Amino acid sequence: MKLLTIDAPRGGRPGALSAKGEIIDLLKVDAGENVQSPHDNEAGYNDIYPALKSKFTELDFGFDFCFFDRIIGGLRLENAAEEHRAAKWLHAVDQFLCDAGTFTPEQFHFLGSKLPT
C-alpha cells in the first residue's frame, strides 16, 4: 500500500494517506507493524498529485527539496551551531538548484480538504 505521510498540526494526530484515500491513524498502529510500503517512492509527483486532486480540494501546495533530507540526518560536526550553519547552507543550495531547474524537487507538501462524496 502506498502511503503519503500527513504532518499533524500542533496538538493533532499524525497520519498517513493510502493510495485508496484512506487516512491511517499512526497512533493506532500496533507496535512493530510496518506502515512503510515496499513500494515507497515508486510513484512520483506526476502520479501522486492528480490522485490527491481527485480526492481533495487543494488549499496549499509547495515543492520542498530534492536531497536535503537525505543529507541532513547524517551531519555530525563539532557543535550544534556548526551543524545548524551547514544545514542552512545545504538547504539553500538544494532550493537554489530546484528553483533553477537543475534538479527536480522530489518532495512536496499538499494541504487539502476532502471533497464531498
Protein backbone atom coordinates (compact mmCIF):
# COMPACT_ATOMS: atom_id res chain seq x y z
CA MET A 1 0.00 0.00 0.00
CA LYS A 2 1.44 3.39 -0.98
CA LEU A 3 1.33 5.81 1.95
CA LEU A 4 1.70 9.56 1.99
CA THR A 5 2.67 10.93 5.37
CA ILE A 6 0.42 13.61 6.79
CA ASP A 7 2.13 16.05 9.15
CA ALA A 8 -0.06 16.71 12.15
CA PRO A 9 -0.75 20.28 13.20
CA ARG A 10 0.30 21.15 16.73
CA GLY A 11 -1.83 19.04 19.03
CA GLY A 12 -3.14 16.98 16.10
CA ARG A 13 -2.67 13.32 15.34
CA PRO A 14 -0.06 12.07 12.86
CA GLY A 15 -1.43 10.06 9.97
CA ALA A 16 -0.82 8.67 6.54
CA LEU A 17 -2.92 8.66 3.39
CA SER A 18 -3.15 5.42 1.45
CA ALA A 19 -3.49 5.30 -2.34
CA LYS A 20 -7.17 4.47 -1.75
CA GLY A 21 -7.62 7.78 0.06
CA GLU A 22 -7.91 6.14 3.47
CA ILE A 23 -6.41 8.05 6.39
CA ILE A 24 -4.39 5.78 8.68
CA ASP A 25 -4.03 6.99 12.28
CA LEU A 26 -0.36 6.31 13.03
CA LEU A 27 -1.02 6.45 16.77
CA LYS A 28 -3.24 3.37 16.42
CA VAL A 29 -0.71 1.26 14.51
CA ASP A 30 0.40 -1.78 16.51
CA ALA A 31 3.97 -1.73 17.79
CA GLY A 32 6.24 -3.41 15.29
CA GLU A 33 3.74 -3.11 12.43
CA ASN A 34 5.43 -1.87 9.29
CA VAL A 35 3.48 1.01 7.73
CA GLN A 36 6.30 1.71 5.29
CA SER A 37 5.19 0.45 1.91
CA PRO A 38 7.56 -1.81 -0.01
CA HIS A 39 6.60 0.40 -2.97
CA ASP A 40 7.61 3.64 -1.23
CA ASN A 41 9.00 6.12 -3.77
CA GLU A 42 7.51 4.03 -6.59
CA ALA A 43 5.14 6.84 -7.50
CA GLY A 44 6.37 10.33 -8.13
CA TYR A 45 4.77 13.73 -8.24
CA ASN A 46 3.12 13.11 -11.64
CA ASP A 47 1.24 10.13 -10.17
CA ILE A 48 0.56 11.38 -6.65
CA TYR A 49 -0.58 14.95 -7.33
CA PRO A 50 -3.50 14.01 -9.64
CA ALA A 51 -4.60 11.34 -7.14
CA LEU A 52 -4.65 13.93 -4.36
CA LYS A 53 -6.57 16.40 -6.53
CA SER A 54 -9.18 13.71 -7.24
CA LYS A 55 -9.92 13.29 -3.51
CA PHE A 56 -9.17 16.71 -2.03
CA THR A 57 -9.68 20.42 -2.71
CA GLU A 58 -6.20 21.94 -2.75
CA LEU A 59 -5.76 24.56 -0.02
CA ASP A 60 -1.98 24.92 -0.15
CA PHE A 61 0.81 23.40 -2.22
CA GLY A 62 4.55 23.83 -2.47
CA PHE A 63 7.61 21.95 -3.67
CA ASP A 64 10.09 21.19 -0.92
CA PHE A 65 13.52 19.80 -1.73
CA CYS A 66 15.48 17.19 -3.62
CA PHE A 67 18.36 15.93 -1.48
CA PHE A 68 18.39 17.97 1.74
CA ASP A 69 16.53 15.40 3.86
CA ARG A 70 18.91 12.60 2.87
CA ILE A 71 22.00 14.51 3.95
CA ILE A 72 20.83 16.45 7.00
CA GLY A 73 20.38 13.40 9.23
CA GLY A 74 24.00 12.41 8.73
CA LEU A 75 25.58 15.73 9.73
CA ARG A 76 27.96 15.30 12.65
CA LEU A 77 30.02 18.41 13.30
CA GLU A 78 31.81 19.84 16.32
CA ASN A 79 28.76 21.54 17.79
CA ALA A 80 25.12 22.35 17.17
CA ALA A 81 25.90 25.84 15.85
CA GLU A 82 28.15 24.42 13.10
CA GLU A 83 25.53 21.78 12.23
CA HIS A 84 22.87 24.48 12.00
CA ARG A 85 25.05 26.65 9.74
CA ALA A 86 25.83 23.69 7.47
CA ALA A 87 22.16 22.65 7.38
CA LYS A 88 21.06 26.16 6.38
CA TRP A 89 23.67 26.19 3.61
CA LEU A 90 22.67 22.73 2.30
CA HIS A 91 19.00 23.72 2.34
CA ALA A 92 19.77 26.93 0.42
CA VAL A 93 21.83 25.01 -2.19
CA ASP A 94 19.03 22.45 -2.59
CA GLN A 95 16.42 25.19 -3.01
CA PHE A 96 18.61 27.10 -5.47
CA LEU A 97 19.19 24.00 -7.63
CA CYS A 98 15.47 23.16 -7.61
CA ASP A 99 14.44 26.75 -8.40
CA ALA A 100 16.99 26.88 -11.25
CA GLY A 101 15.60 23.67 -12.74
CA THR A 102 18.89 21.83 -12.30
CA PHE A 103 17.20 19.30 -10.00
CA THR A 104 13.56 18.33 -9.78
CA PRO A 105 12.13 18.51 -6.27
CA GLU A 106 11.32 15.01 -5.06
CA GLN A 107 9.11 16.11 -2.20
CA PHE A 108 6.18 18.44 -1.91
CA HIS A 109 3.58 19.41 0.63
CA PHE A 110 -0.11 19.36 -0.13
CA LEU A 111 -2.81 20.63 2.19
CA GLY A 112 -6.35 19.82 1.19
CA SER A 113 -9.84 19.28 2.41
CA LYS A 114 -11.73 16.13 1.48
CA LEU A 115 -14.08 16.56 -1.46
CA PRO A 116 -17.74 15.84 -0.76
CA THR A 117 -18.74 12.32 -1.76
